[in-house]
N, C-alpha and C. Protein backbone atom coordinates (compact mmCIF):
# COMPACT_ATOMS: atom_id res chain seq x y z
N MET A 1 218.01 146.40 105.98
CA MET A 1 218.74 145.71 104.87
C MET A 1 220.03 145.22 105.39
N GLU A 2 220.26 143.94 105.57
CA GLU A 2 221.48 143.46 106.22
C GLU A 2 222.42 142.86 105.17
N LEU A 3 223.62 143.21 105.26
CA LEU A 3 224.68 142.56 104.40
C LEU A 3 224.73 141.11 104.67
N THR A 4 224.83 140.34 103.54
CA THR A 4 225.08 138.93 103.78
C THR A 4 226.60 138.75 103.80
N LEU A 5 227.04 137.44 103.84
CA LEU A 5 228.49 137.18 103.95
C LEU A 5 228.97 137.04 102.57
N SER A 6 228.25 137.36 101.45
CA SER A 6 228.79 137.24 100.19
C SER A 6 229.89 138.32 99.91
N ALA A 7 230.67 138.02 98.86
CA ALA A 7 231.59 139.06 98.48
C ALA A 7 230.82 139.94 97.45
N TYR A 8 231.31 141.13 97.37
CA TYR A 8 230.72 142.15 96.43
C TYR A 8 231.75 142.51 95.45
N VAL A 9 231.69 142.05 94.21
CA VAL A 9 232.54 142.32 93.18
C VAL A 9 232.20 143.66 92.47
N THR A 10 233.14 144.54 92.51
CA THR A 10 232.81 145.90 91.96
C THR A 10 233.37 146.09 90.60
N ASP A 11 232.74 147.01 89.87
CA ASP A 11 233.23 147.37 88.55
C ASP A 11 233.82 148.77 88.72
N THR A 12 234.47 149.33 87.64
CA THR A 12 235.08 150.57 87.71
C THR A 12 234.19 151.74 88.06
N ASN A 13 232.99 151.84 87.46
CA ASN A 13 232.14 152.91 87.66
C ASN A 13 231.64 153.22 89.09
N ILE A 14 231.47 152.09 89.79
CA ILE A 14 231.07 152.20 91.21
C ILE A 14 232.10 153.03 91.94
N TRP A 15 233.32 152.68 91.64
CA TRP A 15 234.36 153.50 92.45
C TRP A 15 234.37 154.95 92.08
N ILE A 16 234.17 155.14 90.70
CA ILE A 16 234.12 156.57 90.27
C ILE A 16 233.02 157.35 90.95
N ASP A 17 231.81 156.63 90.94
CA ASP A 17 230.69 157.18 91.65
C ASP A 17 231.01 157.56 93.11
N LEU A 18 231.63 156.61 93.74
CA LEU A 18 231.91 156.79 95.25
C LEU A 18 232.92 157.91 95.37
N HIS A 19 233.90 157.97 94.38
CA HIS A 19 234.93 159.06 94.41
C HIS A 19 234.23 160.38 94.22
N CYS A 20 233.35 160.48 93.39
CA CYS A 20 232.73 161.76 93.06
C CYS A 20 231.73 162.20 94.37
N GLY A 21 231.23 161.23 94.94
CA GLY A 21 230.42 161.50 96.22
C GLY A 21 231.28 161.58 97.40
N GLY A 22 232.63 161.51 97.40
CA GLY A 22 233.42 161.70 98.50
C GLY A 22 233.27 160.48 99.55
N LEU A 23 232.91 159.32 99.03
CA LEU A 23 232.56 158.26 99.96
C LEU A 23 233.56 157.07 99.86
N VAL A 24 234.63 157.16 99.09
CA VAL A 24 235.38 155.97 99.01
C VAL A 24 235.98 155.52 100.49
N SER A 25 236.69 156.32 101.13
CA SER A 25 237.19 155.94 102.44
C SER A 25 236.05 155.49 103.37
N PHE A 26 234.94 156.12 103.31
CA PHE A 26 233.81 155.86 104.18
C PHE A 26 233.33 154.40 103.86
N VAL A 27 233.04 154.09 102.59
CA VAL A 27 232.60 152.81 102.11
C VAL A 27 233.72 151.75 102.50
N LEU A 28 234.99 151.96 102.27
CA LEU A 28 235.96 151.10 102.67
C LEU A 28 235.91 150.69 104.15
N GLU A 29 235.55 151.61 105.00
CA GLU A 29 235.55 151.41 106.35
C GLU A 29 234.26 150.73 106.84
N HIS A 30 233.16 150.97 106.19
CA HIS A 30 231.90 150.46 106.59
C HIS A 30 231.12 149.41 105.74
N PHE A 31 231.81 148.90 104.72
CA PHE A 31 231.09 148.12 103.77
C PHE A 31 232.04 146.86 103.52
N PRO A 32 231.94 145.75 104.28
CA PRO A 32 232.82 144.67 104.17
C PRO A 32 232.68 143.80 102.95
N GLY A 33 233.55 143.04 102.53
CA GLY A 33 233.51 142.11 101.46
C GLY A 33 233.64 142.60 100.07
N LEU A 34 234.20 143.86 99.85
CA LEU A 34 234.35 144.32 98.58
C LEU A 34 235.59 143.72 97.92
N CYS A 35 235.41 143.54 96.56
CA CYS A 35 236.38 142.90 95.70
C CYS A 35 236.44 143.61 94.45
N ALA A 36 237.58 143.48 93.69
CA ALA A 36 237.71 143.94 92.29
C ALA A 36 238.67 143.14 91.62
N THR A 37 238.44 142.97 90.36
CA THR A 37 239.53 142.18 89.57
C THR A 37 240.64 143.09 89.33
N ASP A 38 241.84 142.36 89.08
CA ASP A 38 243.11 143.11 88.80
C ASP A 38 242.87 143.99 87.60
N ILE A 39 242.04 143.64 86.64
CA ILE A 39 241.86 144.48 85.46
C ILE A 39 241.11 145.75 85.80
N VAL A 40 240.09 145.66 86.61
CA VAL A 40 239.39 146.92 87.18
C VAL A 40 240.33 147.70 87.95
N LEU A 41 241.06 147.21 88.86
CA LEU A 41 242.00 147.97 89.60
C LEU A 41 243.02 148.73 88.90
N ARG A 42 243.45 148.10 87.67
CA ARG A 42 244.44 148.72 86.82
C ARG A 42 243.79 149.96 86.17
N GLU A 43 242.55 149.77 85.70
CA GLU A 43 241.78 150.81 85.11
C GLU A 43 241.57 152.07 86.14
N LEU A 44 241.38 151.73 87.34
CA LEU A 44 241.02 152.81 88.27
C LEU A 44 242.23 153.61 88.64
N LYS A 45 243.42 153.20 88.27
CA LYS A 45 244.56 154.04 88.55
C LYS A 45 244.51 155.43 87.94
N ARG A 46 243.69 155.46 86.78
CA ARG A 46 243.44 156.79 86.12
C ARG A 46 242.59 157.73 87.03
N GLU A 47 241.71 157.19 87.88
CA GLU A 47 240.69 157.91 88.61
C GLU A 47 241.18 158.11 90.13
N LEU A 48 241.60 157.06 90.70
CA LEU A 48 241.96 157.03 92.13
C LEU A 48 242.95 155.92 92.39
N SER A 49 243.58 155.88 93.50
CA SER A 49 244.53 154.96 93.79
C SER A 49 244.00 153.48 94.03
N ALA A 50 244.35 152.53 93.27
CA ALA A 50 244.02 151.15 93.48
C ALA A 50 244.69 150.70 94.76
N ASP A 51 245.78 151.22 94.98
CA ASP A 51 246.53 150.91 96.31
C ASP A 51 245.77 151.22 97.48
N HIS A 52 245.12 152.41 97.48
CA HIS A 52 244.25 152.92 98.44
C HIS A 52 243.13 151.90 98.73
N LEU A 53 242.49 151.46 97.73
CA LEU A 53 241.44 150.43 97.73
C LEU A 53 241.91 149.23 98.45
N ILE A 54 243.03 148.66 97.88
CA ILE A 54 243.46 147.33 98.42
C ILE A 54 243.93 147.62 99.95
N ASP A 55 244.56 148.71 100.19
CA ASP A 55 245.01 149.00 101.68
C ASP A 55 243.69 149.22 102.52
N GLY A 56 242.64 149.52 101.95
CA GLY A 56 241.37 149.70 102.68
C GLY A 56 240.52 148.48 102.80
N GLY A 57 241.06 147.39 102.21
CA GLY A 57 240.40 146.10 102.38
C GLY A 57 239.77 145.50 101.18
N VAL A 58 239.83 146.14 100.04
CA VAL A 58 239.28 145.51 98.77
C VAL A 58 240.14 144.38 98.44
N ARG A 59 239.53 143.22 98.25
CA ARG A 59 240.32 142.09 97.83
C ARG A 59 240.48 142.00 96.34
N GLU A 60 241.74 141.87 96.00
CA GLU A 60 241.99 141.82 94.43
C GLU A 60 241.76 140.44 93.94
N ILE A 61 241.04 140.31 92.81
CA ILE A 61 240.69 139.03 92.22
C ILE A 61 241.57 138.87 90.90
N GLU A 62 242.32 137.77 90.78
CA GLU A 62 243.03 137.59 89.50
C GLU A 62 242.29 136.46 88.86
N LEU A 63 241.92 136.61 87.65
CA LEU A 63 241.16 135.63 86.92
C LEU A 63 242.15 134.53 86.42
N SER A 64 241.52 133.31 86.43
CA SER A 64 242.22 132.11 85.89
C SER A 64 242.28 132.15 84.49
N GLY A 65 243.04 131.36 83.82
CA GLY A 65 243.10 131.19 82.29
C GLY A 65 241.81 130.88 81.79
N GLU A 66 240.96 129.98 82.45
CA GLU A 66 239.63 129.61 82.06
C GLU A 66 238.70 130.77 82.10
N GLN A 67 238.92 131.67 83.15
CA GLN A 67 237.95 132.75 83.41
C GLN A 67 238.30 133.83 82.34
N VAL A 68 239.65 133.92 81.99
CA VAL A 68 239.97 134.96 80.99
C VAL A 68 239.34 134.52 79.54
N SER A 69 239.33 133.27 79.35
CA SER A 69 238.63 132.75 78.05
C SER A 69 237.13 133.10 78.11
N GLU A 70 236.54 132.99 79.31
CA GLU A 70 235.13 133.41 79.42
C GLU A 70 234.89 134.82 79.27
N LEU A 71 235.82 135.66 79.79
CA LEU A 71 235.82 137.11 79.65
C LEU A 71 235.76 137.41 78.09
N TYR A 72 236.73 136.80 77.38
CA TYR A 72 236.75 137.07 75.92
C TYR A 72 235.50 136.58 75.21
N ALA A 73 234.91 135.47 75.66
CA ALA A 73 233.63 134.97 74.99
C ALA A 73 232.48 135.97 75.31
N LEU A 74 232.43 136.50 76.51
CA LEU A 74 231.45 137.40 76.87
C LEU A 74 231.60 138.75 76.08
N ALA A 75 232.84 139.25 76.03
CA ALA A 75 233.13 140.46 75.31
C ALA A 75 232.89 140.35 73.84
N SER A 76 233.05 139.09 73.28
CA SER A 76 232.75 138.91 71.89
C SER A 76 231.24 138.76 71.61
N ALA A 77 230.49 138.23 72.62
CA ALA A 77 229.11 138.10 72.40
C ALA A 77 228.48 139.43 72.67
N HIS A 78 229.09 140.34 73.43
CA HIS A 78 228.40 141.56 73.82
C HIS A 78 229.48 142.75 73.52
N PRO A 79 229.54 143.20 72.21
CA PRO A 79 230.61 144.14 71.89
C PRO A 79 230.64 145.39 72.79
N ARG A 80 229.50 145.81 73.30
CA ARG A 80 229.56 147.05 74.14
C ARG A 80 230.16 146.82 75.56
N LEU A 81 230.48 145.55 75.90
CA LEU A 81 230.89 145.10 77.21
C LEU A 81 232.39 145.34 77.18
N SER A 82 232.94 146.19 78.04
CA SER A 82 234.38 146.44 78.20
C SER A 82 235.10 145.22 78.87
N ALA A 83 236.31 145.02 78.66
CA ALA A 83 237.10 143.99 79.31
C ALA A 83 236.91 144.03 80.86
N GLN A 84 236.95 145.31 81.33
CA GLN A 84 236.87 145.43 82.73
C GLN A 84 235.54 144.99 83.33
N ASP A 85 234.42 145.36 82.62
CA ASP A 85 233.18 145.02 83.02
C ASP A 85 232.98 143.48 82.93
N ALA A 86 233.52 142.96 81.80
CA ALA A 86 233.42 141.45 81.67
C ALA A 86 234.13 140.74 82.72
N SER A 87 235.26 141.31 83.17
CA SER A 87 236.07 140.66 84.20
C SER A 87 235.29 140.68 85.54
N ALA A 88 234.59 141.71 85.81
CA ALA A 88 233.84 141.82 87.02
C ALA A 88 232.61 140.81 87.04
N LEU A 89 232.03 140.65 85.99
CA LEU A 89 230.92 139.74 85.79
C LEU A 89 231.37 138.30 85.84
N VAL A 90 232.62 137.99 85.24
CA VAL A 90 233.10 136.64 85.29
C VAL A 90 233.42 136.27 86.77
N ALA A 91 234.07 137.20 87.50
CA ALA A 91 234.42 137.03 88.82
C ALA A 91 233.32 136.84 89.76
N ALA A 92 232.20 137.64 89.54
CA ALA A 92 231.03 137.49 90.46
C ALA A 92 230.28 136.16 90.20
N ARG A 93 230.38 135.82 88.86
CA ARG A 93 229.64 134.62 88.54
C ARG A 93 230.37 133.39 89.05
N ALA A 94 231.68 133.41 88.99
CA ALA A 94 232.44 132.30 89.38
C ALA A 94 232.44 131.98 90.82
N GLY A 95 232.20 133.14 91.63
CA GLY A 95 232.27 132.91 93.07
C GLY A 95 230.81 132.94 93.64
N GLY A 96 229.77 133.09 92.79
CA GLY A 96 228.37 133.14 93.32
C GLY A 96 228.22 134.47 94.06
N ASP A 97 228.97 135.45 93.72
CA ASP A 97 229.01 136.76 94.46
C ASP A 97 228.07 137.68 93.89
N VAL A 98 227.81 138.79 94.58
CA VAL A 98 227.03 139.94 94.14
C VAL A 98 227.85 140.97 93.22
N LEU A 99 227.35 141.29 92.15
CA LEU A 99 228.00 142.22 91.24
C LEU A 99 227.50 143.64 91.60
N ILE A 100 228.35 144.68 91.85
CA ILE A 100 228.05 145.99 92.16
C ILE A 100 228.48 146.81 90.95
N THR A 101 227.45 147.31 90.23
CA THR A 101 227.71 147.95 89.02
C THR A 101 226.68 149.12 88.75
N GLY A 102 227.07 150.17 88.14
CA GLY A 102 226.15 151.15 87.71
C GLY A 102 225.82 151.19 86.23
N ASP A 103 226.52 150.23 85.56
CA ASP A 103 226.49 150.11 84.03
C ASP A 103 225.18 149.27 83.70
N GLY A 104 224.16 149.92 83.07
CA GLY A 104 222.92 149.38 82.72
C GLY A 104 223.12 148.12 81.85
N HIS A 105 223.96 148.25 80.89
CA HIS A 105 224.15 147.10 79.92
C HIS A 105 224.81 145.87 80.66
N LEU A 106 225.73 146.17 81.48
CA LEU A 106 226.28 145.03 82.21
C LEU A 106 225.37 144.45 83.21
N ARG A 107 224.50 145.25 83.78
CA ARG A 107 223.43 144.84 84.75
C ARG A 107 222.55 143.82 84.06
N LYS A 108 222.09 144.18 82.84
CA LYS A 108 221.10 143.29 82.10
C LYS A 108 221.84 142.01 81.82
N ILE A 109 223.03 142.06 81.29
CA ILE A 109 223.69 140.71 80.97
C ILE A 109 223.95 139.88 82.26
N ALA A 110 224.28 140.48 83.32
CA ALA A 110 224.41 139.79 84.65
C ALA A 110 223.23 139.15 85.01
N GLU A 111 222.02 139.91 84.96
CA GLU A 111 220.81 139.41 85.45
C GLU A 111 220.39 138.29 84.54
N SER A 112 220.65 138.40 83.28
CA SER A 112 220.25 137.20 82.40
C SER A 112 221.04 136.03 82.65
N LEU A 113 222.19 136.12 83.33
CA LEU A 113 222.96 135.00 83.69
C LEU A 113 222.75 134.56 85.14
N GLY A 114 221.81 135.20 85.80
CA GLY A 114 221.48 134.75 87.09
C GLY A 114 222.36 135.34 88.23
N VAL A 115 223.07 136.30 87.91
CA VAL A 115 223.85 137.05 88.87
C VAL A 115 223.15 138.15 89.57
N GLU A 116 223.26 138.24 90.98
CA GLU A 116 222.50 139.20 91.70
C GLU A 116 223.37 140.54 91.50
N VAL A 117 222.66 141.55 91.20
CA VAL A 117 223.22 142.95 90.85
C VAL A 117 222.65 143.96 91.65
N HIS A 118 223.51 144.96 92.13
CA HIS A 118 223.20 146.15 92.78
C HIS A 118 224.09 147.22 92.30
N GLY A 119 223.76 148.50 92.75
CA GLY A 119 224.63 149.65 92.28
C GLY A 119 224.89 150.69 93.48
N SER A 120 225.39 151.82 92.99
CA SER A 120 225.74 152.90 93.95
C SER A 120 224.57 153.36 94.77
N LEU A 121 223.39 153.41 94.22
CA LEU A 121 222.18 153.84 94.98
C LEU A 121 221.91 152.76 96.11
N TRP A 122 222.08 151.51 95.78
CA TRP A 122 221.85 150.46 96.85
C TRP A 122 222.86 150.53 98.00
N ILE A 123 224.09 150.89 97.63
CA ILE A 123 225.13 151.12 98.67
C ILE A 123 224.74 152.29 99.65
N LEU A 124 224.36 153.50 99.01
CA LEU A 124 223.84 154.49 99.83
C LEU A 124 222.71 154.18 100.70
N GLU A 125 221.73 153.44 100.05
CA GLU A 125 220.55 153.12 100.90
C GLU A 125 220.95 152.14 102.11
N HIS A 126 221.74 151.17 101.69
CA HIS A 126 222.14 150.28 102.77
C HIS A 126 222.77 150.95 103.93
N LEU A 127 223.76 151.85 103.54
CA LEU A 127 224.51 152.54 104.65
C LEU A 127 223.60 153.40 105.53
N VAL A 128 222.67 154.06 104.93
CA VAL A 128 221.71 154.89 105.69
C VAL A 128 220.86 153.98 106.57
N GLU A 129 220.26 152.91 105.96
CA GLU A 129 219.45 152.09 106.85
C GLU A 129 220.19 151.38 107.86
N ALA A 130 221.37 151.02 107.80
CA ALA A 130 222.23 150.41 108.75
C ALA A 130 222.77 151.51 109.79
N HIS A 131 222.37 152.76 109.57
CA HIS A 131 222.78 153.79 110.49
C HIS A 131 224.33 154.03 110.47
N GLU A 132 224.92 153.73 109.44
CA GLU A 132 226.40 154.03 109.17
C GLU A 132 226.59 155.40 108.53
N LEU A 133 225.58 155.78 107.79
CA LEU A 133 225.75 157.14 107.10
C LEU A 133 224.56 157.85 107.33
N ASP A 134 224.73 159.17 107.75
CA ASP A 134 223.70 160.09 108.00
C ASP A 134 222.98 160.51 106.75
N LEU A 135 221.57 160.71 106.92
CA LEU A 135 220.78 161.19 105.66
C LEU A 135 221.38 162.35 105.01
N ALA A 136 221.79 163.38 105.63
CA ALA A 136 222.30 164.53 104.99
C ALA A 136 223.59 164.31 104.26
N LEU A 137 224.39 163.50 104.76
CA LEU A 137 225.66 163.07 104.04
C LEU A 137 225.37 162.28 102.83
N ALA A 138 224.38 161.40 103.01
CA ALA A 138 223.94 160.47 101.91
C ALA A 138 223.31 161.35 100.68
N LEU A 139 222.59 162.25 101.03
CA LEU A 139 221.88 163.08 100.03
C LEU A 139 222.98 163.98 99.41
N GLY A 140 223.88 164.58 100.16
CA GLY A 140 224.97 165.36 99.58
C GLY A 140 225.91 164.52 98.66
N ALA A 141 226.18 163.26 99.10
CA ALA A 141 226.99 162.47 98.19
C ALA A 141 226.16 162.05 96.87
N LEU A 142 224.92 161.83 97.01
CA LEU A 142 224.06 161.63 95.78
C LEU A 142 224.20 162.70 94.89
N ALA A 143 223.99 164.00 95.45
CA ALA A 143 223.97 165.15 94.60
C ALA A 143 225.37 165.34 93.90
N ALA A 144 226.49 165.08 94.75
CA ALA A 144 227.88 165.11 94.16
C ALA A 144 228.06 164.16 93.03
N MET A 145 227.45 162.88 93.25
CA MET A 145 227.62 161.97 92.18
C MET A 145 226.89 162.31 90.90
N LEU A 146 225.76 162.90 91.09
CA LEU A 146 224.96 163.40 89.87
C LEU A 146 225.62 164.49 89.23
N SER A 147 226.15 165.35 89.98
CA SER A 147 226.89 166.57 89.31
C SER A 147 228.23 166.16 88.76
N GLY A 148 228.78 164.99 89.26
CA GLY A 148 230.06 164.38 88.74
C GLY A 148 229.89 163.60 87.55
N GLY A 149 228.63 163.37 86.92
CA GLY A 149 228.41 162.72 85.74
C GLY A 149 227.69 161.31 85.82
N SER A 150 227.43 160.94 87.12
CA SER A 150 226.66 159.64 87.27
C SER A 150 225.34 159.64 86.58
N ARG A 151 224.97 158.68 85.94
CA ARG A 151 223.73 158.69 85.16
C ARG A 151 222.68 157.68 85.66
N PHE A 152 222.29 157.94 86.82
CA PHE A 152 221.30 157.13 87.47
C PHE A 152 219.95 157.44 86.82
N PRO A 153 219.04 156.37 86.79
CA PRO A 153 217.74 156.68 86.26
C PRO A 153 216.95 157.60 87.23
N GLU A 154 216.40 158.65 86.66
CA GLU A 154 215.80 159.68 87.48
C GLU A 154 214.63 159.07 88.39
N ILE A 155 213.95 158.05 87.89
CA ILE A 155 212.91 157.43 88.70
C ILE A 155 213.51 156.74 89.84
N GLU A 156 214.65 156.15 89.73
CA GLU A 156 215.27 155.43 90.95
C GLU A 156 215.84 156.49 91.96
N VAL A 157 216.38 157.64 91.35
CA VAL A 157 216.91 158.65 92.22
C VAL A 157 215.83 159.23 93.16
N THR A 158 214.67 159.52 92.49
CA THR A 158 213.50 160.06 93.17
C THR A 158 212.97 159.18 94.23
N ALA A 159 212.83 157.82 93.81
CA ALA A 159 212.44 156.83 94.78
C ALA A 159 213.33 156.72 95.90
N LEU A 160 214.61 156.69 95.64
CA LEU A 160 215.64 156.64 96.85
C LEU A 160 215.47 157.75 97.62
N ARG A 161 215.47 158.95 97.23
CA ARG A 161 215.28 160.18 97.97
C ARG A 161 214.04 160.01 98.86
N ARG A 162 213.02 159.64 98.36
CA ARG A 162 211.75 159.45 99.13
C ARG A 162 211.97 158.35 100.22
N ARG A 163 212.47 157.25 99.83
CA ARG A 163 212.76 156.14 100.87
C ARG A 163 213.62 156.60 101.97
N LEU A 164 214.74 157.32 101.60
CA LEU A 164 215.69 157.79 102.56
C LEU A 164 215.08 158.88 103.60
N LYS A 165 214.29 159.69 103.01
CA LYS A 165 213.73 160.67 103.86
C LYS A 165 212.64 160.08 104.84
N GLY A 166 212.15 158.87 104.45
CA GLY A 166 211.18 158.22 105.29
C GLY A 166 211.86 157.14 106.24
N ALA A 167 213.24 156.99 106.08
CA ALA A 167 213.96 156.03 106.92
C ALA A 167 214.16 156.50 108.32
């Protein structure tokens, strides 16, 4: 699985997952092209340092006035969609970029709008397949994410564990 030259627009819960798994610094070092909107970065200050992410190479995206209007339209049409999640979707859509989210509701909306979407499990799998992350560390990070409150579909976790052990 090779990374394309796309940007990867992240939402808040991806960083929380990576924080729980102890992988933030590792991902910053080994996963190029990560971006986050200024709205997402402001929300992250509660969980981890947005400055650390920016210093680690995450590109901050500031939405234009037109994009803010699109954010409000999306949030209005989808009341369960937070402003942070809507901002990530708007940014990914505007740049033709990949959205990295673990939020199932956001994923469905993004896919319905033709945006390519991946999540934390995809990041883990990519890093193992690229020989950047060793299997034991990946499985330990996955266990830490799950015990930290990540709500991955059990069928996807089981399938990932199977694929990783076969890699």
